[in-house]
C-alpha atoms as a PDB file:
ATOM      1  CA  MET A   1      -0.001   0.006   0.014  1.00  0.00           C
ATOM      2  CA  THR A   2       1.307   3.455  -0.842  1.00  0.00           C
ATOM      3  CA  ILE A   3       0.629   6.725   0.842  1.00  0.00           C
ATOM      4  CA  GLY A   4      -0.614   9.889  -0.876  1.00  0.00           C
ATOM      5  CA  GLU A   5       0.657  13.466  -0.749  1.00  0.00           C
ATOM      6  CA  GLY A   6      -1.559  14.414   2.185  1.00  0.00           C
ATOM      7  CA  ALA A   7      -0.183  11.555   4.332  1.00  0.00           C
ATOM      8  CA  ALA A   8       3.331  12.528   3.317  1.00  0.00           C
ATOM      9  CA  ILE A   9       2.736  16.107   4.516  1.00  0.00           C
ATOM     10  CA  ALA A  10       1.382  14.785   7.810  1.00  0.00           C
ATOM     11  CA  ALA A  11       4.491  12.590   8.216  1.00  0.00           C
ATOM     12  CA  ALA A  12       6.710  15.572   7.491  1.00  0.00           C
ATOM     13  CA  ARG A  13       4.854  17.668  10.102  1.00  0.00           C
ATOM     14  CA  ALA A  14       5.380  14.881  12.658  1.00  0.00           C
ATOM     15  CA  ILE A  15       9.154  14.699  12.018  1.00  0.00           C
ATOM     16  CA  ALA A  16       9.424  18.499  12.072  1.00  0.00           C
ATOM     17  CA  ALA A  17       7.702  18.618  15.437  1.00  0.00           C
ATOM     18  CA  ARG A  18       9.927  15.823  16.803  1.00  0.00           C
ATOM     19  CA  GLU A  19      13.108  17.532  15.598  1.00  0.00           C
ATOM     20  CA  GLY A  20      12.091  21.041  16.706  1.00  0.00           C
ATOM     21  CA  HIS A  21      12.167  22.565  13.233  1.00  0.00           C
ATOM     22  CA  PRO A  22      10.713  26.088  12.721  1.00  0.00           C
ATOM     23  CA  PRO A  23       7.149  26.521  11.612  1.00  0.00           C
ATOM     24  CA  TRP A  24       6.351  26.432   7.871  1.00  0.00           C
ATOM     25  CA  ARG A  25       4.849  28.965   5.561  1.00  0.00           C
ATOM     26  CA  GLU A  26       1.770  26.975   4.550  1.00  0.00           C
ATOM     27  CA  ASP A  27       1.646  28.547   1.094  1.00  0.00           C
ATOM     28  CA  THR A  28       5.064  27.144   0.260  1.00  0.00           C
ATOM     29  CA  VAL A  29       4.560  23.405   0.864  1.00  0.00           C
ATOM     30  CA  ASN A  30       5.457  21.570  -2.310  1.00  0.00           C
ATOM     31  CA  VAL A  31       5.286  17.722  -2.776  1.00  0.00           C
ATOM     32  CA  THR A  32       7.042  15.887  -5.579  1.00  0.00           C
ATOM     33  CA  ARG A  33       7.705  12.212  -6.214  1.00  0.00           C
ATOM     34  CA  ARG A  34      11.364  11.172  -6.495  1.00  0.00           C
ATOM     35  CA  THR A  35      13.691   8.222  -6.199  1.00  0.00           C
ATOM     36  CA  VAL A  36      16.312   8.538  -3.454  1.00  0.00           C
ATOM     37  CA  ALA A  37      18.775   5.748  -2.704  1.00  0.00           C
ATOM     38  CA  GLY A  38      16.646   3.373  -4.774  1.00  0.00           C
ATOM     39  CA  ARG A  39      13.429   4.161  -2.861  1.00  0.00           C
ATOM     40  CA  ASP A  40      10.330   5.928  -4.070  1.00  0.00           C
ATOM     41  CA  VAL A  41       9.724   8.898  -1.868  1.00  0.00           C
ATOM     42  CA  TRP A  42       7.541  11.966  -1.576  1.00  0.00           C
ATOM     43  CA  SER A  43       9.813  14.970  -1.311  1.00  0.00           C
ATOM     44  CA  VAL A  44       7.995  17.491   0.908  1.00  0.00           C
ATOM     45  CA  ARG A  45       9.658  20.934   0.598  1.00  0.00           C
ATOM     46  CA  THR A  46       8.721  23.644   3.036  1.00  0.00           C
ATOM     47  CA  ASP A  47       9.919  27.220   3.554  1.00  0.00           C
ATOM     48  CA  ASP A  48      10.423  28.491   7.066  1.00  0.00           C
ATOM     49  CA  ALA A  49       7.891  30.976   8.415  1.00  0.00           C
ATOM     50  CA  PRO A  50       9.196  34.273   9.608  1.00  0.00           C
ATOM     51  CA  ALA A  51       9.639  34.623  13.392  1.00  0.00           C
ATOM     52  CA  LEU A  52       6.741  36.303  15.165  1.00  0.00           C
ATOM     53  CA  GLY A  53       6.709  39.971  14.243  1.00  0.00           C
ATOM     54  CA  GLU A  54       9.297  39.627  11.443  1.00  0.00           C
ATOM     55  CA  PRO A  55       8.472  40.575   7.850  1.00  0.00           C
ATOM     56  CA  ASP A  56       8.597  37.909   5.087  1.00  0.00           C
ATOM     57  CA  TRP A  57      11.775  39.420   3.649  1.00  0.00           C
ATOM     58  CA  ALA A  58      13.609  38.636   6.865  1.00  0.00           C
ATOM     59  CA  ILE A  59      13.623  34.889   6.059  1.00  0.00           C
ATOM     60  CA  PRO A  60      17.014  33.699   4.707  1.00  0.00           C
ATOM     61  CA  TYR A  61      16.936  32.695   1.066  1.00  0.00           C
ATOM     62  CA  ASP A  62      18.121  29.172   1.981  1.00  0.00           C
ATOM     63  CA  GLY A  63      15.552  28.803   4.785  1.00  0.00           C
ATOM     64  CA  PHE A  64      13.801  25.684   3.548  1.00  0.00           C
ATOM     65  CA  THR A  65      13.611  22.081   4.631  1.00  0.00           C
ATOM     66  CA  LEU A  66      13.093  18.974   2.605  1.00  0.00           C
ATOM     67  CA  TYR A  67      11.521  15.878   4.142  1.00  0.00           C
ATOM     68  CA  LEU A  68      11.897  12.547   2.298  1.00  0.00           C
ATOM     69  CA  ILE A  69       8.860  10.358   3.032  1.00  0.00           C
ATOM     70  CA  ASP A  70       8.911   6.704   1.876  1.00  0.00           C
ATOM     71  CA  ILE A  71       5.857   6.112  -0.350  1.00  0.00           C
ATOM     72  CA  GLU A  72       5.460   2.497   0.765  1.00  0.00           C
ATOM     73  CA  THR A  73       5.808   2.896   4.513  1.00  0.00           C
ATOM     74  CA  GLY A  74       5.103   6.589   5.263  1.00  0.00           C
ATOM     75  CA  ALA A  75       8.363   6.780   7.218  1.00  0.00           C
ATOM     76  CA  CYS A  76      10.626   9.815   6.960  1.00  0.00           C
ATOM     77  CA  ILE A  77      13.923   8.443   5.536  1.00  0.00           C
ATOM     78  CA  GLY A  78      15.792  11.660   5.486  1.00  0.00           C
ATOM     79  CA  ILE A  79      15.902  15.459   5.773  1.00  0.00           C
ATOM     80  CA  GLY A  80      17.552  17.988   3.511  1.00  0.00           C
ATOM     81  CA  GLY A  81      17.977  21.679   2.880  1.00  0.00           C
ATOM     82  CA  ALA A  82      19.897  24.130   0.763  1.00  0.00           C
ATOM     83  CA  PHE A  83      23.209  22.390   1.532  1.00  0.00           C
ATOM     84  CA  GLY A  84      22.339  18.766   0.840  1.00  0.00           C
ATOM     85  CA  GLN A  85      20.399  15.990   2.438  1.00  0.00           C
ATOM     86  CA  ARG A  86      20.909  13.428   5.213  1.00  0.00           C
ATOM     87  CA  LEU A  87      19.414   9.952   5.029  1.00  0.00           C
ATOM     88  CA  PHE A  88      18.489   8.247   8.236  1.00  0.00           C
ATOM     89  CA  GLY A  89      19.776   4.857   9.313  1.00  0.00           C
ATOM     90  CA  PRO A  90      17.622   1.809  10.036  1.00  0.00           C
ATOM     91  CA  ASP A  91      16.759   3.260  13.525  1.00  0.00           C
ATOM     92  CA  GLY A  92      15.130   6.304  11.943  1.00  0.00           C
ATOM     93  CA  ARG A  93      17.845   8.771  12.988  1.00  0.00           C
END
């Protein structure tokens, strides 16, 4: 059984909360299907929201996070950003 884009976004939200990542700008969430390390994944890209009281232009250009969600299991297999990506080991970290 495979998961859809909505479930991939929910999985990305869960890992973001677990890892203490900054909030997202909801209008920037983008989901694409990719193959990473031989696995089909949903790539969920999000831009960081500005800090409370900060204008949008205060966000760094490279302030985005990429969550790699396995299409078959719904597990987050890695996280990336402007400077590359990190795949998790078998223990999920």
